[in-house]
Amino acid sequence: KYELVYKIDETVGDAAKAAVEDIKTFASSVVISKLSVFPQNAGFLTTSTNIVPKLKAANLSVFVETFNNEFVSQAWDYFSDPTVEINSFIQEAEINGVITAFPKTA
């Protein structure tokens, strides 16, 4: 028995209830991009989306990718600190986990 994970390759900020229900029929977790949770403009965070609450309301685990230590991969709001970035996603967006190239940092 395997846990199936659905990866959304596009940046999404919302999802129709029917789409979430369709995903729920074959997957128990969803992987989305960082920009799907906290969109950026010119390197600064602009807002947060409602994709994570919608997926979690359907009892799907939400994982976000890809976290890196290099400051060029982070919004300016994280002060070039990968720990601050990860913490923001865990505490603010309440995601279930991260996908990172630097597991020691996570």
PDB file of N, CA and C in Angstrom:
ATOM      1  N   LYS A   1       0.848  -1.181   0.000  1.00  0.00           N
ATOM      2  CA  LYS A   1       0.000   0.000   0.000  1.00  0.00           C
ATOM      3  C   LYS A   1       0.890   1.241   0.000  1.00  0.00           C
ATOM      4  N   TYR A   2       0.606   2.155  -0.901  1.00  0.00           N
ATOM      5  CA  TYR A   2       1.410   3.355  -1.058  1.00  0.00           C
ATOM      6  C   TYR A   2       0.565   4.591  -0.833  1.00  0.00           C
ATOM      7  N   GLU A   3       1.228   5.633  -0.371  1.00  0.00           N
ATOM      8  CA  GLU A   3       0.577   6.932  -0.278  1.00  0.00           C
ATOM      9  C   GLU A   3       0.875   7.663  -1.582  1.00  0.00           C
ATOM     10  N   LEU A   4      -0.160   8.026  -2.299  1.00  0.00           N
ATOM     11  CA  LEU A   4       0.020   8.709  -3.577  1.00  0.00           C
ATOM     12  C   LEU A   4       0.080  10.215  -3.375  1.00  0.00           C
ATOM     13  N   VAL A   5       1.014  10.834  -4.081  1.00  0.00           N
ATOM     14  CA  VAL A   5       1.229  12.272  -3.983  1.00  0.00           C
ATOM     15  C   VAL A   5       0.996  12.880  -5.355  1.00  0.00           C
ATOM     16  N   TYR A   6       0.232  13.957  -5.403  1.00  0.00           N
ATOM     17  CA  TYR A   6      -0.044  14.655  -6.654  1.00  0.00           C
ATOM     18  C   TYR A   6       0.756  15.946  -6.682  1.00  0.00           C
ATOM     19  N   LYS A   7       1.556  16.130  -7.735  1.00  0.00           N
ATOM     20  CA  LYS A   7       2.369  17.334  -7.863  1.00  0.00           C
ATOM     21  C   LYS A   7       1.724  18.267  -8.883  1.00  0.00           C
ATOM     22  N   ILE A   8       1.474  19.491  -8.459  1.00  0.00           N
ATOM     23  CA  ILE A   8       0.927  20.509  -9.351  1.00  0.00           C
ATOM     24  C   ILE A   8       2.105  21.309  -9.878  1.00  0.00           C
ATOM     25  N   ASP A   9       2.372  21.185 -11.173  1.00  0.00           N
ATOM     26  CA  ASP A   9       3.543  21.823 -11.777  1.00  0.00           C
ATOM     27  C   ASP A   9       3.356  23.310 -12.036  1.00  0.00           C
ATOM     28  N   GLU A  10       2.142  23.791 -12.028  1.00  0.00           N
ATOM     29  CA  GLU A  10       1.876  25.199 -12.292  1.00  0.00           C
ATOM     30  C   GLU A  10       1.803  25.975 -10.980  1.00  0.00           C
ATOM     31  N   THR A  11       1.958  27.290 -11.077  1.00  0.00           N
ATOM     32  CA  THR A  11       1.723  28.147  -9.918  1.00  0.00           C
ATOM     33  C   THR A  11       0.215  28.367  -9.815  1.00  0.00           C
ATOM     34  N   VAL A  12      -0.354  27.960  -8.703  1.00  0.00           N
ATOM     35  CA  VAL A  12      -1.797  28.086  -8.491  1.00  0.00           C
ATOM     36  C   VAL A  12      -2.045  28.806  -7.174  1.00  0.00           C
ATOM     37  N   GLY A  13      -3.053  29.626  -7.141  1.00  0.00           N
ATOM     38  CA  GLY A  13      -3.371  30.326  -5.905  1.00  0.00           C
ATOM     39  C   GLY A  13      -4.716  29.929  -5.338  1.00  0.00           C
ATOM     40  N   ASP A  14      -5.480  29.193  -6.138  1.00  0.00           N
ATOM     41  CA  ASP A  14      -6.816  28.788  -5.740  1.00  0.00           C
ATOM     42  C   ASP A  14      -7.156  27.497  -6.467  1.00  0.00           C
ATOM     43  N   ALA A  15      -8.195  26.845  -6.023  1.00  0.00           N
ATOM     44  CA  ALA A  15      -8.638  25.619  -6.686  1.00  0.00           C
ATOM     45  C   ALA A  15     -10.145  25.482  -6.519  1.00  0.00           C
ATOM     46  N   ALA A  16     -10.781  25.060  -7.574  1.00  0.00           N
ATOM     47  CA  ALA A  16     -12.218  24.798  -7.520  1.00  0.00           C
ATOM     48  C   ALA A  16     -12.470  23.591  -6.622  1.00  0.00           C
ATOM     49  N   LYS A  17     -13.593  23.605  -5.951  1.00  0.00           N
ATOM     50  CA  LYS A  17     -13.932  22.510  -5.044  1.00  0.00           C
ATOM     51  C   LYS A  17     -13.952  21.176  -5.798  1.00  0.00           C
ATOM     52  N   ALA A  18     -14.455  21.188  -7.023  1.00  0.00           N
ATOM     53  CA  ALA A  18     -14.519  19.962  -7.822  1.00  0.00           C
ATOM     54  C   ALA A  18     -13.114  19.431  -8.118  1.00  0.00           C
ATOM     55  N   ALA A  19     -12.171  20.327  -8.401  1.00  0.00           N
ATOM     56  CA  ALA A  19     -10.791  19.908  -8.670  1.00  0.00           C
ATOM     57  C   ALA A  19     -10.162  19.281  -7.435  1.00  0.00           C
ATOM     58  N   VAL A  20     -10.393  19.885  -6.287  1.00  0.00           N
ATOM     59  CA  VAL A  20      -9.847  19.342  -5.034  1.00  0.00           C
ATOM     60  C   VAL A  20     -10.461  17.970  -4.749  1.00  0.00           C
ATOM     61  N   GLU A  21     -11.745  17.831  -4.982  1.00  0.00           N
ATOM     62  CA  GLU A  21     -12.399  16.539  -4.766  1.00  0.00           C
ATOM     63  C   GLU A  21     -11.863  15.478  -5.730  1.00  0.00           C
ATOM     64  N   ASP A  22     -11.570  15.870  -6.964  1.00  0.00           N
ATOM     65  CA  ASP A  22     -10.977  14.934  -7.919  1.00  0.00           C
ATOM     66  C   ASP A  22      -9.604  14.459  -7.445  1.00  0.00           C
ATOM     67  N   ILE A  23      -8.780  15.386  -6.975  1.00  0.00           N
ATOM     68  CA  ILE A  23      -7.457  15.028  -6.462  1.00  0.00           C
ATOM     69  C   ILE A  23      -7.595  14.073  -5.289  1.00  0.00           C
ATOM     70  N   LYS A  24      -8.561  14.329  -4.442  1.00  0.00           N
ATOM     71  CA  LYS A  24      -8.786  13.524  -3.241  1.00  0.00           C
ATOM     72  C   LYS A  24      -9.104  12.063  -3.578  1.00  0.00           C
ATOM     73  N   THR A  25      -9.653  11.814  -4.768  1.00  0.00           N
ATOM     74  CA  THR A  25     -10.025  10.439  -5.125  1.00  0.00           C
ATOM     75  C   THR A  25      -8.816   9.539  -5.361  1.00  0.00           C
ATOM     76  N   PHE A  26      -7.656  10.116  -5.692  1.00  0.00           N
ATOM     77  CA  PHE A  26      -6.501   9.270  -5.980  1.00  0.00           C
ATOM     78  C   PHE A  26      -5.238   9.630  -5.195  1.00  0.00           C
ATOM     79  N   ALA A  27      -5.222  10.757  -4.492  1.00  0.00           N
ATOM     80  CA  ALA A  27      -4.018  11.162  -3.767  1.00  0.00           C
ATOM     81  C   ALA A  27      -4.357  11.533  -2.327  1.00  0.00           C
ATOM     82  N   SER A  28      -3.352  11.410  -1.484  1.00  0.00           N
ATOM     83  CA  SER A  28      -3.541  11.816  -0.092  1.00  0.00           C
ATOM     84  C   SER A  28      -2.677  13.023   0.258  1.00  0.00           C
ATOM     85  N   SER A  29      -1.809  13.413  -0.678  1.00  0.00           N
ATOM     86  CA  SER A  29      -0.939  14.572  -0.474  1.00  0.00           C
ATOM     87  C   SER A  29      -0.792  15.328  -1.788  1.00  0.00           C
ATOM     88  N   VAL A  30      -0.467  16.630  -1.655  1.00  0.00           N
ATOM     89  CA  VAL A  30      -0.271  17.481  -2.820  1.00  0.00           C
ATOM     90  C   VAL A  30       1.034  18.251  -2.634  1.00  0.00           C
ATOM     91  N   VAL A  31       1.801  18.376  -3.721  1.00  0.00           N
ATOM     92  CA  VAL A  31       3.023  19.175  -3.722  1.00  0.00           C
ATOM     93  C   VAL A  31       2.769  20.399  -4.595  1.00  0.00           C
ATOM     94  N   ILE A  32       3.030  21.581  -4.032  1.00  0.00           N
ATOM     95  CA  ILE A  32       2.852  22.829  -4.774  1.00  0.00           C
ATOM     96  C   ILE A  32       4.128  23.663  -4.643  1.00  0.00           C
ATOM     97  N   SER A  33       4.233  24.684  -5.471  1.00  0.00           N
ATOM     98  CA  SER A  33       5.422  25.546  -5.440  1.00  0.00           C
ATOM     99  C   SER A  33       5.299  26.602  -4.345  1.00  0.00           C
ATOM    100  N   LYS A  34       6.426  27.191  -3.997  1.00  0.00           N
ATOM    101  CA  LYS A  34       6.439  28.271  -3.002  1.00  0.00           C
ATOM    102  C   LYS A  34       5.588  29.450  -3.470  1.00  0.00           C
ATOM    103  N   LEU A  35       5.661  29.745  -4.774  1.00  0.00           N
ATOM    104  CA  LEU A  35       4.905  30.884  -5.312  1.00  0.00           C
ATOM    105  C   LEU A  35       3.399  30.650  -5.283  1.00  0.00           C
ATOM    106  N   SER A  36       2.983  29.400  -5.195  1.00  0.00           N
ATOM    107  CA  SER A  36       1.554  29.105  -5.072  1.00  0.00           C
ATOM    108  C   SER A  36       1.022  29.493  -3.704  1.00  0.00           C
ATOM    109  N   VAL A  37       1.894  29.572  -2.732  1.00  0.00           N
ATOM    110  CA  VAL A  37       1.491  29.916  -1.359  1.00  0.00           C
ATOM    111  C   VAL A  37       1.687  31.402  -1.096  1.00  0.00           C
ATOM    112  N   PHE A  38       2.881  31.898  -1.391  1.00  0.00           N
ATOM    113  CA  PHE A  38       3.216  33.313  -1.189  1.00  0.00           C
ATOM    114  C   PHE A  38       3.738  33.901  -2.503  1.00  0.00           C
ATOM    115  N   PRO A  39       2.871  34.482  -3.327  1.00  0.00           N
ATOM    116  CA  PRO A  39       3.329  35.094  -4.586  1.00  0.00           C
ATOM    117  C   PRO A  39       4.290  36.245  -4.322  1.00  0.00           C
ATOM    118  N   GLN A  40       5.172  36.481  -5.305  1.00  0.00           N
ATOM    119  CA  GLN A  40       6.169  37.552  -5.174  1.00  0.00           C
ATOM    120  C   GLN A  40       6.051  38.531  -6.332  1.00  0.00           C
ATOM    121  N   ASN A  41       6.475  39.754  -6.055  1.00  0.00           N
ATOM    122  CA  ASN A  41       6.594  40.771  -7.091  1.00  0.00           C
ATOM    123  C   ASN A  41       7.903  41.504  -6.833  1.00  0.00           C
ATOM    124  N   ALA A  42       8.804  41.456  -7.813  1.00  0.00           N
ATOM    125  CA  ALA A  42      10.117  42.101  -7.699  1.00  0.00           C
ATOM    126  C   ALA A  42      10.876  41.640  -6.451  1.00  0.00           C
ATOM    127  N   GLY A  43      10.711  40.369  -6.096  1.00  0.00           N
ATOM    128  CA  GLY A  43      11.442  39.813  -4.969  1.00  0.00           C
ATOM    129  C   GLY A  43      10.801  40.014  -3.609  1.00  0.00           C
ATOM    130  N   PHE A  44       9.636  40.647  -3.569  1.00  0.00           N
ATOM    131  CA  PHE A  44       8.937  40.860  -2.301  1.00  0.00           C
ATOM    132  C   PHE A  44       7.616  40.099  -2.302  1.00  0.00           C
ATOM    133  N   LEU A  45       7.231  39.597  -1.123  1.00  0.00           N
ATOM    134  CA  LEU A  45       5.951  38.904  -0.997  1.00  0.00           C
ATOM    135  C   LEU A  45       4.822  39.900  -1.186  1.00  0.00           C
ATOM    136  N   THR A  46       3.795  39.498  -1.896  1.00  0.00           N
ATOM    137  CA  THR A  46       2.688  40.415  -2.150  1.00  0.00           C
ATOM    138  C   THR A  46       1.440  40.063  -1.344  1.00  0.00           C
ATOM    139  N   THR A  47       1.210  38.795  -1.124  1.00  0.00           N
ATOM    140  CA  THR A  47       0.018  38.345  -0.416  1.00  0.00           C
ATOM    141  C   THR A  47       0.181  36.864  -0.103  1.00  0.00           C
ATOM    142  N   SER A  48      -0.822  36.280   0.466  1.00  0.00           N
ATOM    143  CA  SER A  48      -0.862  34.827   0.599  1.00  0.00           C
ATOM    144  C   SER A  48      -2.118  34.349  -0.118  1.00  0.00           C
ATOM    145  N   THR A  49      -2.073  33.127  -0.600  1.00  0.00           N
ATOM    146  CA  THR A  49      -3.214  32.582  -1.330  1.00  0.00           C
ATOM    147  C   THR A  49      -4.046  31.704  -0.403  1.00  0.00           C
ATOM    148  N   ASN A  50      -5.145  31.202  -0.932  1.00  0.00           N
ATOM    149  CA  ASN A  50      -5.978  30.322  -0.104  1.00  0.00           C
ATOM    150  C   ASN A  50      -5.905  28.868  -0.554  1.00  0.00           C
ATOM    151  N   ILE A  51      -4.869  28.511  -1.318  1.00  0.00           N
ATOM    152  CA  ILE A  51      -4.747  27.146  -1.814  1.00  0.00           C
ATOM    153  C   ILE A  51      -4.485  26.141  -0.686  1.00  0.00           C
ATOM    154  N   VAL A  52      -3.647  26.498   0.262  1.00  0.00           N
ATOM    155  CA  VAL A  52      -3.327  25.557   1.351  1.00  0.00           C
ATOM    156  C   VAL A  52      -4.562  25.272   2.206  1.00  0.00           C
ATOM    157  N   PRO A  53      -5.304  26.287   2.671  1.00  0.00           N
ATOM    158  CA  PRO A  53      -6.510  25.977   3.454  1.00  0.00           C
ATOM    159  C   PRO A  53      -7.530  25.126   2.689  1.00  0.00           C
ATOM    160  N   LYS A  54      -7.659  25.361   1.384  1.00  0.00           N
ATOM    161  CA  LYS A  54      -8.618  24.574   0.594  1.00  0.00           C
ATOM    162  C   LYS A  54      -8.194  23.112   0.504  1.00  0.00           C
ATOM    163  N   LEU A  55      -6.912  22.885   0.272  1.00  0.00           N
ATOM    164  CA  LEU A  55      -6.424  21.508   0.190  1.00  0.00           C
ATOM    165  C   LEU A  55      -6.505  20.811   1.540  1.00  0.00           C
ATOM    166  N   LYS A  56      -6.155  21.515   2.600  1.00  0.00           N
ATOM    167  CA  LYS A  56      -6.198  20.923   3.938  1.00  0.00           C
ATOM    168  C   LYS A  56      -7.628  20.672   4.399  1.00  0.00           C
ATOM    169  N   ALA A  57      -8.565  21.517   3.953  1.00  0.00           N
ATOM    170  CA  ALA A  57      -9.978  21.306   4.297  1.00  0.00           C
ATOM    171  C   ALA A  57     -10.494  19.995   3.703  1.00  0.00           C
ATOM    172  N   ALA A  58      -9.893  19.561   2.610  1.00  0.00           N
ATOM    173  CA  ALA A  58     -10.255  18.287   1.985  1.00  0.00           C
ATOM    174  C   ALA A  58      -9.443  17.137   2.573  1.00  0.00           C
ATOM    175  N   ASN A  59      -8.737  17.402   3.647  1.00  0.00           N
ATOM    176  CA  ASN A  59      -7.924  16.397   4.341  1.00  0.00           C
ATOM    177  C   ASN A  59      -6.758  15.893   3.485  1.00  0.00           C
ATOM    178  N   LEU A  60      -6.186  16.793   2.695  1.00  0.00           N
ATOM    179  CA  LEU A  60      -4.987  16.492   1.922  1.00  0.00           C
ATOM    180  C   LEU A  60      -3.783  17.116   2.617  1.00  0.00           C
ATOM    181  N   SER A  61      -2.690  16.391   2.704  1.00  0.00           N
ATOM    182  CA  SER A  61      -1.458  16.964   3.232  1.00  0.00           C
ATOM    183  C   SER A  61      -0.841  17.831   2.146  1.00  0.00           C
ATOM    184  N   VAL A  62      -0.227  18.955   2.548  1.00  0.00           N
ATOM    185  CA  VAL A  62       0.344  19.894   1.584  1.00  0.00           C
ATOM    186  C   VAL A  62       1.842  20.035   1.836  1.00  0.00           C
ATOM    187  N   PHE A  63       2.610  19.768   0.778  1.00  0.00           N
ATOM    188  CA  PHE A  63       4.058  19.925   0.808  1.00  0.00           C
ATOM    189  C   PHE A  63       4.436  20.998  -0.200  1.00  0.00           C
ATOM    190  N   VAL A  64       5.444  21.789   0.138  1.00  0.00           N
ATOM    191  CA  VAL A  64       5.861  22.891  -0.722  1.00  0.00           C
ATOM    192  C   VAL A  64       7.308  22.667  -1.139  1.00  0.00           C
ATOM    193  N   GLU A  65       7.597  23.010  -2.415  1.00  0.00           N
ATOM    194  CA  GLU A  65       8.953  22.857  -2.948  1.00  0.00           C
ATOM    195  C   GLU A  65       9.402  24.112  -3.656  1.00  0.00           C
ATOM    196  N   THR A  66      10.561  24.270  -3.952  1.00  0.00           N
ATOM    197  CA  THR A  66      11.774  23.674  -3.459  1.00  0.00           C
ATOM    198  C   THR A  66      12.512  24.740  -2.657  1.00  0.00           C
ATOM    199  N   PHE A  67      12.883  24.396  -1.459  1.00  0.00           N
ATOM    200  CA  PHE A  67      13.580  25.321  -0.579  1.00  0.00           C
ATOM    201  C   PHE A  67      15.079  25.148  -0.746  1.00  0.00           C
ATOM    202  N   ASN A  68      15.787  26.263  -0.885  1.00  0.00           N
ATOM    203  CA  ASN A  68      17.238  26.267  -1.044  1.00  0.00           C
ATOM    204  C   ASN A  68      17.857  27.234  -0.044  1.00  0.00           C
ATOM    205  N   ASN A  69      19.127  27.053   0.212  1.00  0.00           N
ATOM    206  CA  ASN A  69      19.833  27.948   1.132  1.00  0.00           C
ATOM    207  C   ASN A  69      20.301  29.230   0.464  1.00  0.00           C
ATOM    208  N   GLU A  70      20.430  29.219  -0.862  1.00  0.00           N
ATOM    209  CA  GLU A  70      20.954  30.390  -1.552  1.00  0.00           C
ATOM    210  C   GLU A  70      19.985  31.558  -1.453  1.00  0.00           C
ATOM    211  N   PHE A  71      20.492  32.715  -1.104  1.00  0.00           N
ATOM    212  CA  PHE A  71      19.624  33.876  -0.893  1.00  0.00           C
ATOM    213  C   PHE A  71      18.895  34.300  -2.162  1.00  0.00           C
ATOM    214  N   VAL A  72      19.426  33.992  -3.333  1.00  0.00           N
ATOM    215  CA  VAL A  72      18.748  34.394  -4.570  1.00  0.00           C
ATOM    216  C   VAL A  72      17.458  33.623  -4.799  1.00  0.00           C
ATOM    217  N   SER A  73      17.248  32.543  -4.074  1.00  0.00           N
ATOM    218  CA  SER A  73      16.026  31.754  -4.228  1.00  0.00           C
ATOM    219  C   SER A  73      14.926  32.193  -3.262  1.00  0.00           C
ATOM    220  N   GLN A  74      15.209  33.181  -2.423  1.00  0.00           N
ATOM    221  CA  GLN A  74      14.264  33.598  -1.386  1.00  0.00           C
ATOM    222  C   GLN A  74      13.770  35.021  -1.625  1.00  0.00           C
ATOM    223  N   ALA A  75      12.547  35.283  -1.186  1.00  0.00           N
ATOM    224  CA  ALA A  75      12.028  36.653  -1.231  1.00  0.00           C
ATOM    225  C   ALA A  75      12.829  37.505  -0.244  1.00  0.00           C
ATOM    226  N   TRP A  76      12.903  38.801  -0.514  1.00  0.00           N
ATOM    227  CA  TRP A  76      13.638  39.716   0.375  1.00  0.00           C
ATOM    228  C   TRP A  76      13.058  39.712   1.788  1.00  0.00           C
ATOM    229  N   ASP A  77      11.786  39.402   1.905  1.00  0.00           N
ATOM    230  CA  ASP A  77      11.112  39.417   3.214  1.00  0.00           C
ATOM    231  C   ASP A  77      11.695  38.404   4.199  1.00  0.00           C
ATOM    232  N   TYR A  78      12.450  37.438   3.697  1.00  0.00           N
ATOM    233  CA  TYR A  78      13.022  36.413   4.574  1.00  0.00           C
ATOM    234  C   TYR A  78      14.428  36.757   5.048  1.00  0.00           C
ATOM    235  N   PHE A  79      14.913  37.945   4.745  1.00  0.00           N
ATOM    236  CA  PHE A  79      16.215  38.430   5.223  1.00  0.00           C
ATOM    237  C   PHE A  79      17.375  37.517   4.831  1.00  0.00           C
ATOM    238  N   SER A  80      17.277  36.863   3.668  1.00  0.00           N
ATOM    239  CA  SER A  80      18.307  35.929   3.177  1.00  0.00           C
ATOM    240  C   SER A  80      18.598  34.807   4.166  1.00  0.00           C
ATOM    241  N   ASP A  81      17.596  34.425   4.919  1.00  0.00           N
ATOM    242  CA  ASP A  81      17.747  33.377   5.927  1.00  0.00           C
ATOM    243  C   ASP A  81      16.810  32.218   5.592  1.00  0.00           C
ATOM    244  N   PRO A  82      17.343  31.060   5.191  1.00  0.00           N
ATOM    245  CA  PRO A  82      16.484  29.938   4.818  1.00  0.00           C
ATOM    246  C   PRO A  82      15.622  29.424   5.973  1.00  0.00           C
ATOM    247  N   THR A  83      16.090  29.564   7.194  1.00  0.00           N
ATOM    248  CA  THR A  83      15.306  29.125   8.347  1.00  0.00           C
ATOM    249  C   THR A  83      14.072  30.009   8.530  1.00  0.00           C
ATOM    250  N   VAL A  84      14.217  31.309   8.326  1.00  0.00           N
ATOM    251  CA  VAL A  84      13.077  32.230   8.407  1.00  0.00           C
ATOM    252  C   VAL A  84      12.061  31.881   7.320  1.00  0.00           C
ATOM    253  N   GLU A  85      12.559  31.570   6.128  1.00  0.00           N
ATOM    254  CA  GLU A  85      11.657  31.221   5.031  1.00  0.00           C
ATOM    255  C   GLU A  85      10.856  29.964   5.369  1.00  0.00           C
ATOM    256  N   ILE A  86      11.527  28.906   5.782  1.00  0.00           N
ATOM    257  CA  ILE A  86      10.845  27.659   6.124  1.00  0.00           C
ATOM    258  C   ILE A  86       9.857  27.884   7.257  1.00  0.00           C
ATOM    259  N   ASN A  87      10.282  28.629   8.261  1.00  0.00           N
ATOM    260  CA  ASN A  87       9.415  28.918   9.405  1.00  0.00           C
ATOM    261  C   ASN A  87       8.146  29.648   8.975  1.00  0.00           C
ATOM    262  N   SER A  88       8.269  30.558   8.030  1.00  0.00           N
ATOM    263  CA  SER A  88       7.104  31.299   7.537  1.00  0.00           C
ATOM    264  C   SER A  88       6.081  30.358   6.910  1.00  0.00           C
ATOM    265  N   PHE A  89       6.549  29.406   6.132  1.00  0.00           N
ATOM    266  CA  PHE A  89       5.633  28.470   5.496  1.00  0.00           C
ATOM    267  C   PHE A  89       4.993  27.524   6.503  1.00  0.00           C
ATOM    268  N   ILE A  90       5.772  27.100   7.487  1.00  0.00           N
ATOM    269  CA  ILE A  90       5.242  26.171   8.492  1.00  0.00           C
ATOM    270  C   ILE A  90       4.252  26.877   9.418  1.00  0.00           C
ATOM    271  N   GLN A  91       4.620  28.046   9.926  1.00  0.00           N
ATOM    272  CA  GLN A  91       3.774  28.722  10.913  1.00  0.00           C
ATOM    273  C   GLN A  91       2.660  29.562  10.288  1.00  0.00           C
ATOM    274  N   GLU A  92       2.960  30.272   9.216  1.00  0.00           N
ATOM    275  CA  GLU A  92       1.955  31.154   8.616  1.00  0.00           C
ATOM    276  C   GLU A  92       0.993  30.391   7.707  1.00  0.00           C
ATOM    277  N   ALA A  93       1.545  29.603   6.800  1.00  0.00           N
ATOM    278  CA  ALA A  93       0.699  28.882   5.844  1.00  0.00           C
ATOM    279  C   ALA A  93       0.232  27.534   6.388  1.00  0.00           C
ATOM    280  N   GLU A  94       0.882  27.055   7.446  1.00  0.00           N
ATOM    281  CA  GLU A  94       0.538  25.792   8.092  1.00  0.00           C
ATOM    282  C   GLU A  94       0.607  24.603   7.140  1.00  0.00           C
ATOM    283  N   ILE A  95       1.693  24.563   6.345  1.00  0.00           N
ATOM    284  CA  ILE A  95       1.886  23.423   5.459  1.00  0.00           C
ATOM    285  C   ILE A  95       2.327  22.217   6.278  1.00  0.00           C
ATOM    286  N   ASN A  96       2.266  21.046   5.665  1.00  0.00           N
ATOM    287  CA  ASN A  96       2.640  19.824   6.368  1.00  0.00           C
ATOM    288  C   ASN A  96       4.117  19.489   6.262  1.00  0.00           C
ATOM    289  N   GLY A  97       4.781  19.980   5.214  1.00  0.00           N
ATOM    290  CA  GLY A  97       6.188  19.670   5.063  1.00  0.00           C
ATOM    291  C   GLY A  97       6.807  20.404   3.900  1.00  0.00           C
ATOM    292  N   VAL A  98       8.136  20.313   3.829  1.00  0.00           N
ATOM    293  CA  VAL A  98       8.885  21.005   2.783  1.00  0.00           C
ATOM    294  C   VAL A  98       9.691  19.995   1.976  1.00  0.00           C
ATOM    295  N   ILE A  99       9.984  20.371   0.753  1.00  0.00           N
ATOM    296  CA  ILE A  99      10.903  19.626  -0.094  1.00  0.00           C
ATOM    297  C   ILE A  99      12.082  20.558  -0.315  1.00  0.00           C
ATOM    298  N   THR A 100      13.266  20.083   0.038  1.00  0.00           N
ATOM    299  CA  THR A 100      14.435  20.947   0.031  1.00  0.00           C
ATOM    300  C   THR A 100      15.657  20.232  -0.517  1.00  0.00           C
ATOM    301  N   ALA A 101      16.575  21.015  -1.032  1.00  0.00           N
ATOM    302  CA  ALA A 101      17.871  20.494  -1.440  1.00  0.00           C
ATOM    303  C   ALA A 101      18.847  20.512  -0.271  1.00  0.00           C
ATOM    304  N   PHE A 102      18.433  21.064   0.852  1.00  0.00           N
ATOM    305  CA  PHE A 102      19.283  21.205   2.032  1.00  0.00           C
ATOM    306  C   PHE A 102      18.561  20.670   3.271  1.00  0.00           C
ATOM    307  N   PRO A 103      18.436  19.354   3.413  1.00  0.00           N
ATOM    308  CA  PRO A 103      17.689  18.789   4.542  1.00  0.00           C
ATOM    309  C   PRO A 103      18.256  19.129   5.914  1.00  0.00           C
ATOM    310  N   LYS A 104      19.554  19.396   5.982  1.00  0.00           N
ATOM    311  CA  LYS A 104      20.141  19.751   7.275  1.00  0.00           C
ATOM    312  C   LYS A 104      19.586  21.091   7.776  1.00  0.00           C
ATOM    313  N   THR A 105      19.333  22.008   6.862  1.00  0.00           N
ATOM    314  CA  THR A 105      18.736  23.298   7.239  1.00  0.00           C
ATOM    315  C   THR A 105      17.314  23.107   7.735  1.00  0.00           C
ATOM    316  N   ALA A 106      16.552  22.292   7.006  1.00  0.00           N
ATOM    317  CA  ALA A 106      15.153  22.049   7.395  1.00  0.00           C
ATOM    318  C   ALA A 106      15.074  21.330   8.720  1.00  0.00           C
TER     319      ALA A 106
END
